Amino acid sequence: MHLEKTDLDGVLILTPRQFADSRGAFQETWNARTLANLGIHTAFLQDNQSWSRDVGTVRGLHFQAPPQAQSKLVRVLVGEIWDVAVDIRRDSPTFGRWTGATLSAENCRQLLIPAGFLHGFVTRTPDTLVAYKCSDTYAPACEGAVRFDDPDLGIDWGLPADRAVLSDKDAVAPAFADLDTPFLIGIPSVAERTG
């Protein structure tokens, strides 16, 4: 497993080693021991999968607050996405900053997003299939969102905001300036502690 740091502390790009031959390819996408050897000790409790029919489908920006805050490990099974994390730890020197990575079935990259970050992605291919592990189960009472095209964040999604395909809920997500974040540096939930 190759680990690449981003400019946001704790947001990591993980690329598994791939073994290819005339039949195709094999890769180990997650192994608790391998990640622990890299200093990542996140316990995952739930796997999710999303299918997006159209190019330009935006899912996000989402988070889940304590006591059921979630870290996520995101990968693409079919197609390609631009995956984004935004630091919302209010005492962080990078509060409000974002980073992104291209994840695709071809490049096999995965993005690890710790609790304390917004997460969202935009599809770059039709019929995109995304899978992600979560460090806690879904808790509607703890979910939150921020508008994907918030001008205070200035995220480059690679498409005009009026061409984004959004859910009804994401279309009315609140502004970043209205976010009352519950996150601080160094106070992750038990399931998301990283070495």
Protein backbone atom coordinates (compact mmCIF):
# COMPACT_ATOMS: atom_id res chain seq x y z
CA MET A 1 0.00 0.00 0.00
CA HIS A 2 1.45 3.35 -1.04
CA LEU A 3 0.60 6.30 1.22
CA GLU A 4 0.60 9.89 -0.04
CA LYS A 5 -0.01 12.84 2.26
CA THR A 6 -2.12 15.79 1.16
CA ASP A 7 -1.83 19.39 2.36
CA LEU A 8 -4.53 18.70 4.99
CA ASP A 9 -3.33 16.81 8.06
CA GLY A 10 -4.90 13.35 8.21
CA VAL A 11 -6.35 13.35 4.68
CA LEU A 12 -4.40 10.66 2.86
CA ILE A 13 -4.28 9.06 -0.57
CA LEU A 14 -3.80 5.31 -0.40
CA THR A 15 -2.94 3.28 -3.49
CA PRO A 16 -2.93 -0.50 -3.17
CA ARG A 17 -0.37 -2.59 -4.99
CA GLN A 18 -1.85 -4.19 -8.08
CA PHE A 19 -0.94 -7.59 -9.48
CA ALA A 20 -1.79 -7.89 -13.16
CA ASP A 21 -1.55 -10.76 -15.61
CA SER A 22 -3.24 -11.93 -18.80
CA ARG A 23 -6.53 -12.54 -16.92
CA GLY A 24 -6.79 -9.05 -15.44
CA ALA A 25 -5.66 -7.75 -12.06
CA PHE A 26 -5.91 -8.27 -8.30
CA GLN A 27 -5.42 -5.85 -5.42
CA GLU A 28 -5.94 -5.86 -1.68
CA THR A 29 -7.94 -2.67 -1.07
CA TRP A 30 -8.10 -2.77 2.72
CA ASN A 31 -6.17 -4.63 5.39
CA ALA A 32 -6.25 -3.51 9.03
CA ARG A 33 -2.71 -4.74 9.70
CA THR A 34 -1.27 -3.06 6.61
CA LEU A 35 -2.91 0.25 7.50
CA ALA A 36 -1.82 -0.04 11.14
CA ASN A 37 1.77 -0.42 9.90
CA LEU A 38 1.25 2.90 8.10
CA GLY A 39 -0.03 4.51 11.33
CA ILE A 40 -3.73 4.30 10.44
CA HIS A 41 -5.82 2.64 13.16
CA THR A 42 -9.33 3.46 11.98
CA ALA A 43 -11.92 0.76 12.70
CA PHE A 44 -14.54 0.65 9.96
CA LEU A 45 -18.11 -0.38 10.85
CA GLN A 46 -20.12 0.16 7.68
CA ASP A 47 -19.63 -0.11 3.91
CA ASN A 48 -21.60 2.11 1.52
CA GLN A 49 -21.92 2.18 -2.24
CA SER A 50 -23.36 4.84 -4.54
CA TRP A 51 -24.18 4.74 -8.24
CA SER A 52 -24.45 7.97 -10.19
CA ARG A 53 -25.93 7.86 -13.67
CA ASP A 54 -24.87 11.28 -14.97
CA VAL A 55 -21.57 13.09 -15.39
CA GLY A 56 -21.54 16.12 -13.08
CA THR A 57 -23.42 14.45 -10.23
CA VAL A 58 -22.28 16.09 -6.98
CA ARG A 59 -22.73 14.29 -3.68
CA GLY A 60 -21.80 16.50 -0.75
CA LEU A 61 -20.52 18.31 1.10
CA HIS A 62 -21.46 16.05 4.03
CA PHE A 63 -20.30 15.21 7.55
CA GLN A 64 -21.56 13.27 10.53
CA ALA A 65 -21.12 14.86 13.95
CA PRO A 66 -20.21 13.29 17.30
CA PRO A 67 -21.12 11.07 18.98
CA GLN A 68 -21.27 9.20 15.65
CA ALA A 69 -18.67 11.11 13.66
CA GLN A 70 -17.35 9.23 10.65
CA SER A 71 -14.03 8.77 8.93
CA LYS A 72 -14.34 7.50 5.36
CA LEU A 73 -12.14 5.51 3.00
CA VAL A 74 -13.42 6.19 -0.53
CA ARG A 75 -12.65 4.33 -3.76
CA VAL A 76 -14.15 4.02 -7.23
CA LEU A 77 -15.26 0.67 -8.64
CA VAL A 78 -16.44 1.96 -12.04
CA GLY A 79 -15.68 5.35 -13.60
CA GLU A 80 -13.96 8.42 -12.15
CA ILE A 81 -14.62 11.13 -9.55
CA TRP A 82 -13.04 14.29 -8.20
CA ASP A 83 -13.11 13.64 -4.44
CA VAL A 84 -12.90 16.56 -1.99
CA ALA A 85 -12.28 16.98 1.74
CA VAL A 86 -12.66 20.29 3.66
CA ASP A 87 -11.20 20.85 7.12
CA ILE A 88 -13.95 21.89 9.59
CA ARG A 89 -11.97 21.50 12.83
CA ARG A 90 -12.52 24.98 14.23
CA ASP A 91 -9.10 25.22 15.94
CA SER A 92 -7.18 23.91 12.92
CA PRO A 93 -4.66 26.11 11.10
CA THR A 94 -6.21 24.78 7.87
CA PHE A 95 -9.85 25.41 8.89
CA GLY A 96 -11.94 26.00 5.77
CA ARG A 97 -9.26 24.76 3.37
CA TRP A 98 -9.93 21.95 0.93
CA THR A 99 -7.99 19.32 -0.96
CA GLY A 100 -9.02 17.02 -3.76
CA ALA A 101 -7.91 13.91 -5.61
CA THR A 102 -8.92 12.12 -8.78
CA LEU A 103 -10.08 8.61 -7.91
CA SER A 104 -10.88 6.13 -10.63
CA ALA A 105 -11.29 2.43 -11.27
CA GLU A 106 -8.16 2.72 -13.40
CA ASN A 107 -5.81 4.47 -10.93
CA CYS A 108 -7.08 2.47 -7.89
CA ARG A 109 -6.44 5.40 -5.54
CA GLN A 110 -8.43 5.73 -2.31
CA LEU A 111 -8.98 8.85 -0.21
CA LEU A 112 -8.99 8.59 3.59
CA ILE A 113 -11.04 11.42 5.09
CA PRO A 114 -10.94 11.62 8.90
CA ALA A 115 -13.78 12.85 11.09
CA GLY A 116 -13.69 16.63 11.27
CA PHE A 117 -13.80 17.09 7.49
CA LEU A 118 -16.58 17.72 5.01
CA HIS A 119 -16.65 15.21 2.16
CA GLY A 120 -18.05 15.37 -1.34
CA PHE A 121 -17.36 14.29 -4.89
CA VAL A 122 -18.36 14.99 -8.48
CA THR A 123 -18.61 12.29 -11.13
CA ARG A 124 -16.51 12.67 -14.26
CA THR A 125 -17.92 9.67 -16.11
CA PRO A 126 -21.42 8.29 -16.59
CA ASP A 127 -22.56 5.32 -14.50
CA THR A 128 -19.96 5.87 -11.79
CA LEU A 129 -19.89 3.40 -8.92
CA VAL A 130 -18.26 4.53 -5.65
CA ALA A 131 -17.65 2.43 -2.53
CA TYR A 132 -16.63 3.74 0.85
CA LYS A 133 -15.97 2.44 4.31
CA CYS A 134 -17.24 4.41 7.33
CA SER A 135 -15.93 4.33 10.88
CA ASP A 136 -19.44 4.58 12.35
CA THR A 137 -22.94 3.72 11.23
CA TYR A 138 -25.28 6.21 9.58
CA ALA A 139 -27.05 8.43 12.13
CA PRO A 140 -29.57 10.88 10.60
CA ALA A 141 -29.67 12.94 13.82
CA CYS A 142 -25.91 13.58 13.48
CA GLU A 143 -25.70 14.37 9.77
CA GLY A 144 -24.83 17.79 8.44
CA ALA A 145 -24.02 19.45 5.15
CA VAL A 146 -22.57 22.56 3.54
CA ARG A 147 -23.39 23.89 0.10
CA PHE A 148 -20.97 22.39 -2.45
CA ASP A 149 -20.46 25.69 -4.32
CA ASP A 150 -20.07 27.89 -1.25
CA PRO A 151 -18.00 30.94 -2.29
CA ASP A 152 -16.13 31.00 1.05
CA LEU A 153 -14.69 27.56 0.23
CA GLY A 154 -14.00 28.19 -3.46
CA ILE A 155 -13.78 24.53 -4.43
CA ASP A 156 -12.93 23.92 -8.07
CA TRP A 157 -15.36 21.17 -9.09
CA GLY A 158 -14.46 21.37 -12.76
CA LEU A 159 -17.99 22.34 -13.82
CA PRO A 160 -20.27 25.36 -13.53
CA ALA A 161 -22.50 25.21 -10.44
CA ASP A 162 -25.65 25.39 -12.55
CA ARG A 163 -24.64 22.20 -14.40
CA ALA A 164 -24.27 20.12 -11.22
CA VAL A 165 -26.74 17.29 -10.68
CA LEU A 166 -27.80 17.53 -7.02
CA SER A 167 -30.16 15.82 -4.62
CA ASP A 168 -32.97 17.98 -3.24
CA LYS A 169 -31.22 17.96 0.14
CA ASP A 170 -27.84 19.04 -1.26
CA ALA A 171 -29.46 21.79 -3.32
CA VAL A 172 -30.60 23.54 -0.12
CA ALA A 173 -27.55 22.81 2.06
CA PRO A 174 -26.57 25.76 4.29
CA ALA A 175 -23.65 28.12 3.79
CA PHE A 176 -20.22 27.44 5.27
CA ALA A 177 -20.48 30.69 7.26
CA ASP A 178 -23.52 29.23 9.06
CA LEU A 179 -21.73 26.02 10.08
CA ASP A 180 -21.47 25.57 13.85
CA THR A 181 -18.83 22.86 13.72
CA PRO A 182 -18.55 20.43 16.63
CA PHE A 183 -15.01 19.37 15.68
CA LEU A 184 -11.68 20.23 17.30
CA ILE A 185 -8.18 18.92 16.56
CA GLY A 186 -7.24 15.91 18.64
CA ILE A 187 -10.73 14.88 19.71
CA PRO A 188 -11.75 12.13 17.28
CA SER A 189 -14.34 9.57 18.19
CA VAL A 190 -13.05 6.24 19.47
CA ALA A 191 -13.44 4.50 16.09
CA GLU A 192 -11.39 7.07 14.16
CA ARG A 193 -8.23 7.37 16.16
CA THR A 194 -5.21 7.32 13.87
CA GLY A 195 -1.66 6.67 14.94
